[in-house]
């Protein structure tokens, strides 16, 4: 159990986390959707698979993954010999929750002529029932290598699957899951914002519904959105993904203005991931101190989940591990 936060008052959390990082020989990973204080103390900041690949390449004994549970599971799949801790084990994901392994296995059995192309935002157990894992940045490249007449189940994100259906001309069978963060954006409010800033391009994650993507100038992974924001000559950019990515944009391009796309009430609060927010500096400190909570996977599940991950890395030309914010000294 994590210690009550109030018992940690008076501690210099940054100093203590640095001390424990060295003592445990730990590497701290932070997803782009973490709060700025966690991003700033991390060894690496990036997308989930890139972070796991970076951690696997280090000599660290411990991986402290400030993200959500499926991300920490991927780190364990790739680094079974390392101890993987997650500051809050309740930090889940609406996409993972939308696709229970037992239901997914039954769905697969009902469509035996389909292969399962599964988005990385799912549990290790669902990965174990999949043929190929994809990320938002690798899916199109992998689809290009599959015959057009190949029947495909795409899970768990219906919006991401629909986006790739549109881009590739396929008719993949979509599992009906969605990300609560990207579903929260309002087309009406986005159009109001575009009218207010007519020269500002919109960069959107493909987990957004089509009615948001239709207004986007750039659609891509979190890393692709970051790259677009930094390379665009525009001085104001509207960002349609979880707004904590804006921290990295502002650090890299302080002369630009980045505006989070609004939700239905006209502000961005509903677009902050409640699961990512479960991780805090206090919980990171306690996790490093107590080496809990730990990610544990039985070896059969780990190996079964690793197989479709390896297939993705092979088909994608192993592009993971590039473009992360660098490790601390």
Protein backbone atom coordinates (compact mmCIF):
# COMPACT_ATOMS: atom_id res chain seq x y z
CA UNK A 1 0.00 0.00 0.00
CA UNK A 2 1.16 3.52 -0.74
CA UNK A 3 1.83 5.69 2.31
CA UNK A 4 -0.67 8.50 2.88
CA UNK A 5 0.44 11.62 1.05
CA UNK A 6 0.11 13.72 4.19
CA UNK A 7 2.85 11.68 5.89
CA UNK A 8 5.30 12.86 3.23
CA UNK A 9 5.00 16.56 4.05
CA UNK A 10 8.33 18.24 4.57
CA UNK A 11 10.19 15.92 2.21
CA UNK A 12 12.11 17.39 -0.72
CA UNK A 13 10.56 14.99 -3.21
CA UNK A 14 12.91 15.81 -6.10
CA UNK A 15 15.97 15.22 -3.94
CA UNK A 16 14.54 12.03 -2.45
CA UNK A 17 13.52 10.66 -5.84
CA UNK A 18 17.00 11.37 -7.20
CA UNK A 19 18.52 9.61 -4.19
CA UNK A 20 16.33 6.56 -4.64
CA UNK A 21 16.90 6.55 -8.40
CA UNK A 22 20.63 6.12 -7.77
CA UNK A 23 20.18 3.74 -4.85
CA UNK A 24 17.84 1.46 -6.82
CA UNK A 25 19.71 1.83 -10.13
CA UNK A 26 16.37 2.90 -11.55
CA UNK A 27 15.34 4.57 -14.78
CA UNK A 28 12.28 6.83 -14.57
CA UNK A 29 10.00 6.97 -17.62
CA UNK A 30 7.29 9.57 -18.17
CA UNK A 31 4.68 9.56 -20.87
CA UNK A 32 3.93 12.86 -22.60
CA UNK A 33 0.57 12.94 -20.77
CA UNK A 34 2.13 13.10 -17.31
CA UNK A 35 2.17 16.34 -15.32
CA UNK A 36 5.12 18.69 -15.95
CA UNK A 37 6.82 17.95 -12.62
CA UNK A 38 6.98 14.24 -13.45
CA UNK A 39 8.10 14.90 -17.03
CA UNK A 40 10.90 17.14 -15.75
CA UNK A 41 12.29 14.58 -13.29
CA UNK A 42 12.15 11.64 -15.73
CA UNK A 43 15.14 10.11 -17.46
CA UNK A 44 13.10 9.76 -20.65
CA UNK A 45 9.87 11.39 -21.83
CA UNK A 46 8.07 9.96 -24.83
CA UNK A 47 5.46 7.63 -26.27
CA UNK A 48 4.83 4.35 -24.48
CA UNK A 49 6.61 1.81 -26.70
CA UNK A 50 9.59 4.09 -27.29
CA UNK A 51 9.97 4.48 -23.54
CA UNK A 52 9.93 0.73 -22.95
CA UNK A 53 12.52 0.20 -25.67
CA UNK A 54 14.74 2.93 -24.20
CA UNK A 55 14.51 1.38 -20.74
CA UNK A 56 15.33 -2.08 -22.10
CA UNK A 57 18.54 -0.68 -23.60
CA UNK A 58 19.77 0.68 -20.25
CA UNK A 59 21.62 -1.19 -17.51
CA UNK A 60 18.98 -0.14 -14.97
CA UNK A 61 17.70 -2.78 -12.56
CA UNK A 62 14.41 -0.97 -11.98
CA UNK A 63 11.97 0.74 -14.36
CA UNK A 64 9.65 3.28 -12.74
CA UNK A 65 7.00 3.86 -15.40
CA UNK A 66 4.97 7.02 -14.93
CA UNK A 67 2.18 6.22 -17.32
CA UNK A 68 -0.66 3.73 -17.24
CA UNK A 69 -0.77 0.02 -16.53
CA UNK A 70 -0.59 -1.35 -20.08
CA UNK A 71 2.52 0.75 -20.71
CA UNK A 72 4.27 -0.69 -17.67
CA UNK A 73 3.25 -4.16 -18.83
CA UNK A 74 5.00 -3.55 -22.16
CA UNK A 75 8.12 -2.54 -20.26
CA UNK A 76 7.95 -5.83 -18.36
CA UNK A 77 7.38 -7.79 -21.59
CA UNK A 78 10.52 -6.28 -23.10
CA UNK A 79 12.58 -6.34 -19.86
CA UNK A 80 11.52 -9.41 -17.88
CA UNK A 81 14.72 -9.36 -15.82
CA UNK A 82 14.06 -5.82 -14.58
CA UNK A 83 11.73 -4.83 -11.76
CA UNK A 84 8.93 -2.64 -13.16
CA UNK A 85 7.00 -0.40 -10.80
CA UNK A 86 3.99 1.82 -11.46
CA UNK A 87 3.28 4.69 -9.03
CA UNK A 88 -0.43 3.82 -8.92
CA UNK A 89 -1.65 0.38 -10.00
CA UNK A 90 -5.13 1.84 -10.53
CA UNK A 91 -3.76 3.98 -13.39
CA UNK A 92 -5.58 2.10 -16.12
CA UNK A 93 -6.88 3.08 -19.54
CA UNK A 94 -10.38 3.38 -20.98
CA UNK A 95 -9.24 1.56 -24.13
CA UNK A 96 -7.84 -1.32 -22.11
CA UNK A 97 -11.03 -1.43 -20.03
CA UNK A 98 -13.17 -1.51 -23.17
CA UNK A 99 -11.59 -4.77 -24.33
CA UNK A 100 -11.71 -7.54 -21.68
CA UNK A 101 -9.47 -10.48 -22.68
CA UNK A 102 -12.23 -13.10 -22.39
CA UNK A 103 -14.60 -11.13 -24.62
CA UNK A 104 -11.84 -10.44 -27.13
CA UNK A 105 -10.96 -14.15 -27.30
CA UNK A 106 -14.63 -14.99 -28.00
CA UNK A 107 -14.80 -12.26 -30.65
CA UNK A 108 -11.72 -13.69 -32.35
CA UNK A 109 -13.18 -17.19 -32.25
CA UNK A 110 -16.35 -15.91 -33.93
CA UNK A 111 -14.25 -14.54 -36.82
CA UNK A 112 -11.70 -17.30 -37.53
CA UNK A 113 -10.89 -15.95 -41.00
CA UNK A 114 -9.67 -12.62 -39.56
CA UNK A 115 -6.26 -11.76 -38.14
CA UNK A 116 -6.12 -9.48 -35.11
CA UNK A 117 -4.29 -6.20 -35.58
CA UNK A 118 -4.32 -4.78 -32.07
CA UNK A 119 -3.43 -1.30 -30.87
CA UNK A 120 -0.80 -1.28 -28.15
CA UNK A 121 -3.29 0.40 -25.77
CA UNK A 122 -4.56 -2.93 -24.40
CA UNK A 123 -3.70 -5.43 -21.69
CA UNK A 124 -0.96 -8.02 -21.98
CA UNK A 125 -3.69 -10.67 -22.02
CA UNK A 126 -5.31 -9.10 -25.10
CA UNK A 127 -1.90 -8.79 -26.75
CA UNK A 128 -1.49 -12.52 -26.16
CA UNK A 129 -4.66 -13.10 -28.26
CA UNK A 130 -3.38 -10.89 -31.10
CA UNK A 131 -1.40 -11.50 -34.29
CA UNK A 132 0.29 -8.11 -34.71
CA UNK A 133 0.50 -5.17 -32.30
CA UNK A 134 0.52 -1.68 -33.81
CA UNK A 135 1.10 1.86 -32.63
CA UNK A 136 -0.49 4.93 -34.13
CA UNK A 137 2.81 5.62 -35.91
CA UNK A 138 3.43 2.09 -37.23
CA UNK A 139 -0.05 0.88 -38.21
CA UNK A 140 -0.11 2.31 -41.74
CA UNK A 141 3.31 0.86 -42.59
CA UNK A 142 2.25 -2.55 -41.30
CA UNK A 143 -1.07 -2.45 -43.14
CA UNK A 144 0.79 -1.75 -46.38
CA UNK A 145 2.49 -5.14 -46.00
CA UNK A 146 -0.78 -7.07 -45.65
CA UNK A 147 -2.86 -8.16 -48.67
CA UNK A 148 -5.88 -5.97 -49.31
CA UNK A 149 -8.15 -9.02 -49.20
CA UNK A 150 -6.85 -10.05 -45.78
CA UNK A 151 -9.70 -9.85 -43.28
CA UNK A 152 -8.64 -7.92 -40.19
CA UNK A 153 -10.02 -7.28 -36.72
CA UNK A 154 -8.77 -3.93 -35.40
CA UNK A 155 -9.03 -3.46 -31.65
CA UNK A 156 -9.65 -1.79 -29.30
CA UNK A 157 -9.90 1.77 -30.70
CA UNK A 158 -12.74 2.25 -33.20
CA UNK A 159 -11.66 5.81 -34.04
CA UNK A 160 -8.07 4.83 -34.80
CA UNK A 161 -9.27 1.86 -36.83
CA UNK A 162 -11.71 4.04 -38.76
CA UNK A 163 -8.93 6.53 -39.51
CA UNK A 164 -6.75 3.79 -41.00
CA UNK A 165 -9.71 2.39 -42.92
CA UNK A 166 -10.12 5.83 -44.48
CA UNK A 167 -6.40 6.20 -45.24
CA UNK A 168 -5.88 2.72 -46.69
CA UNK A 169 -9.24 1.92 -48.27
CA UNK A 170 -9.68 -1.14 -46.08
CA UNK A 171 -12.75 -2.40 -44.29
CA UNK A 172 -11.33 -3.67 -41.03
CA UNK A 173 -13.77 -5.03 -38.47
CA UNK A 174 -13.58 -2.58 -35.56
CA UNK A 175 -13.83 -3.38 -31.87
CA UNK A 176 -16.09 -0.68 -30.33
CA UNK A 177 -13.63 0.87 -27.86
CA UNK A 178 -12.63 4.52 -27.54
CA UNK A 179 -10.37 6.79 -25.50
CA UNK A 180 -12.39 8.93 -23.10
CA UNK A 181 -9.91 11.80 -23.50
CA UNK A 182 -10.06 12.02 -27.27
CA UNK A 183 -13.82 11.41 -27.33
CA UNK A 184 -14.30 14.51 -25.18
CA UNK A 185 -13.33 17.06 -27.85
CA UNK A 186 -16.15 19.20 -29.18
CA UNK A 187 -16.46 19.96 -32.90
CA UNK A 188 -18.52 23.07 -32.17
CA UNK A 189 -15.98 24.43 -29.71
CA UNK A 190 -13.09 23.55 -32.03
CA UNK A 191 -14.72 25.50 -34.86
CA UNK A 192 -15.14 28.48 -32.54
CA UNK A 193 -11.46 28.28 -31.68
CA UNK A 194 -10.47 28.02 -35.36
CA UNK A 195 -12.55 31.11 -36.08
CA UNK A 196 -10.76 32.94 -33.29
CA UNK A 197 -7.33 31.85 -34.59
CA UNK A 198 -7.83 31.43 -38.36
CA UNK A 199 -4.11 31.01 -39.07
CA UNK A 200 -3.57 28.34 -36.44
CA UNK A 201 -3.25 24.78 -37.78
CA UNK A 202 -4.83 21.92 -35.86
CA UNK A 203 -2.74 18.90 -34.89
CA UNK A 204 -4.83 15.90 -33.78
CA UNK A 205 -4.26 12.37 -32.56
CA UNK A 206 -6.05 9.69 -34.64
CA UNK A 207 -7.80 8.44 -31.50
CA UNK A 208 -10.08 11.46 -32.01
CA UNK A 209 -13.45 10.94 -33.69
CA UNK A 210 -13.74 11.69 -37.40
CA UNK A 211 -15.59 14.95 -36.76
CA UNK A 212 -12.41 16.28 -35.14
CA UNK A 213 -9.95 14.73 -37.60
CA UNK A 214 -11.87 16.31 -40.50
CA UNK A 215 -10.69 19.72 -39.26
CA UNK A 216 -7.07 18.73 -38.60
CA UNK A 217 -4.07 19.88 -40.61
CA UNK A 218 -1.91 17.13 -39.10
CA UNK A 219 -3.06 13.75 -37.81
CA UNK A 220 -0.48 11.58 -36.10
CA UNK A 221 0.94 9.97 -33.00
CA UNK A 222 1.80 12.02 -29.94
CA UNK A 223 5.40 12.26 -31.12
CA UNK A 224 4.28 13.24 -34.64
CA UNK A 225 2.09 15.99 -33.19
CA UNK A 226 5.03 17.28 -31.18
CA UNK A 227 7.29 17.26 -34.25
CA UNK A 228 4.66 19.05 -36.33
CA UNK A 229 4.16 21.71 -33.67
CA UNK A 230 7.88 22.43 -33.51
CA UNK A 231 8.49 22.43 -37.27
CA UNK A 232 5.40 24.37 -38.34
CA UNK A 233 6.04 28.02 -39.21
CA UNK A 234 2.76 28.88 -37.49
CA UNK A 235 3.14 30.83 -34.26
CA UNK A 236 -0.14 29.52 -32.80
CA UNK A 237 -1.10 25.85 -32.97
CA UNK A 238 -4.24 24.09 -31.75
CA UNK A 239 -3.50 20.72 -30.17
CA UNK A 240 -6.18 17.99 -30.11
CA UNK A 241 -4.77 15.42 -27.74
CA UNK A 242 -4.18 15.19 -23.98
CA UNK A 243 -2.93 18.70 -23.12
CA UNK A 244 0.10 17.75 -21.02
CA UNK A 245 2.03 17.25 -24.29
CA UNK A 246 1.99 21.06 -24.50
CA UNK A 247 4.62 21.15 -21.74
CA UNK A 248 7.20 19.66 -24.11
CA UNK A 249 6.10 21.99 -26.90
CA UNK A 250 6.50 25.06 -24.70
CA UNK A 251 9.92 23.93 -23.51
CA UNK A 252 11.16 23.38 -27.08
CA UNK A 253 9.47 26.40 -28.67
CA UNK A 254 8.76 29.04 -25.98
CA UNK A 255 8.14 31.69 -28.63
CA UNK A 256 5.07 29.86 -29.93
CA UNK A 257 1.56 29.63 -28.51
CA UNK A 258 -0.04 26.20 -28.09
CA UNK A 259 -3.75 25.95 -27.35
CA UNK A 260 -5.43 22.75 -26.25
CA UNK A 261 -8.55 21.87 -28.22
CA UNK A 262 -11.63 22.41 -26.04
CA UNK A 263 -14.19 20.00 -24.72
CA UNK A 264 -17.94 20.48 -24.81
CA UNK A 265 -17.87 23.08 -22.04
CA UNK A 266 -15.33 25.21 -23.89
CA UNK A 267 -12.31 24.35 -21.73
CA UNK A 268 -9.71 21.58 -21.68
CA UNK A 269 -10.19 20.16 -18.18
CA UNK A 270 -12.32 17.26 -19.43
CA UNK A 271 -9.54 16.37 -21.89
CA UNK A 272 -6.98 15.62 -19.19
CA UNK A 273 -6.57 11.88 -18.74
CA UNK A 274 -7.83 10.94 -15.26
CA UNK A 275 -5.75 7.75 -15.29
CA UNK A 276 -2.48 9.53 -16.09
CA UNK A 277 -3.31 12.00 -13.31
CA UNK A 278 -3.25 9.20 -10.74
CA UNK A 279 0.54 9.26 -10.83
CA UNK A 280 2.05 11.96 -8.64
CA UNK A 281 5.49 12.88 -7.36
CA UNK A 282 4.49 11.58 -3.93
CA UNK A 283 3.43 8.21 -5.34
CA UNK A 284 6.59 7.99 -7.47
CA UNK A 285 8.68 8.55 -4.34
CA UNK A 286 6.79 5.89 -2.38
CA UNK A 287 7.02 3.40 -5.26
CA UNK A 288 10.79 3.84 -5.44
CA UNK A 289 11.08 3.67 -1.67
CA UNK A 290 8.98 0.53 -1.23
CA UNK A 291 9.56 -1.01 -4.68
CA UNK A 292 5.79 -1.39 -4.97
CA UNK A 293 3.42 -1.70 -6.72
CA UNK A 294 5.16 -4.07 -9.13
CA UNK A 295 4.08 -5.27 -12.55
CA UNK A 296 4.08 -9.07 -12.60
CA UNK A 297 3.29 -11.21 -15.65
CA UNK A 298 3.30 -14.98 -15.81
CA UNK A 299 5.84 -16.18 -18.34
CA UNK A 300 3.30 -17.82 -20.65
CA UNK A 301 1.35 -14.56 -21.01
CA UNK A 302 4.54 -12.53 -21.39
CA UNK A 303 5.85 -14.72 -24.20
CA UNK A 304 2.47 -14.85 -25.94
CA UNK A 305 2.19 -11.04 -25.74
CA UNK A 306 5.78 -10.56 -26.90
CA UNK A 307 5.23 -12.52 -30.11
CA UNK A 308 2.89 -9.96 -31.78
CA UNK A 309 5.06 -7.13 -30.41
CA UNK A 310 8.10 -8.68 -32.08
CA UNK A 311 6.09 -9.05 -35.28
CA UNK A 312 5.33 -5.33 -35.22
CA UNK A 313 8.96 -4.39 -34.62
CA UNK A 314 10.01 -6.58 -37.53
CA UNK A 315 7.38 -5.21 -39.93
CA UNK A 316 7.88 -1.61 -38.83
CA UNK A 317 11.65 -1.78 -39.26
CA UNK A 318 12.13 -1.26 -35.51
CA UNK A 319 11.51 2.47 -35.45
CA UNK A 320 10.94 2.60 -31.70
CA UNK A 321 13.36 4.34 -29.41
CA UNK A 322 13.87 7.36 -31.62
CA UNK A 323 13.06 10.95 -30.74
CA UNK A 324 12.55 10.70 -27.00
CA UNK A 325 13.52 13.52 -24.71
CA UNK A 326 16.97 12.47 -23.51
CA UNK A 327 18.11 10.87 -20.29
CA UNK A 328 19.23 12.93 -17.33
CA UNK A 329 22.90 13.02 -16.47
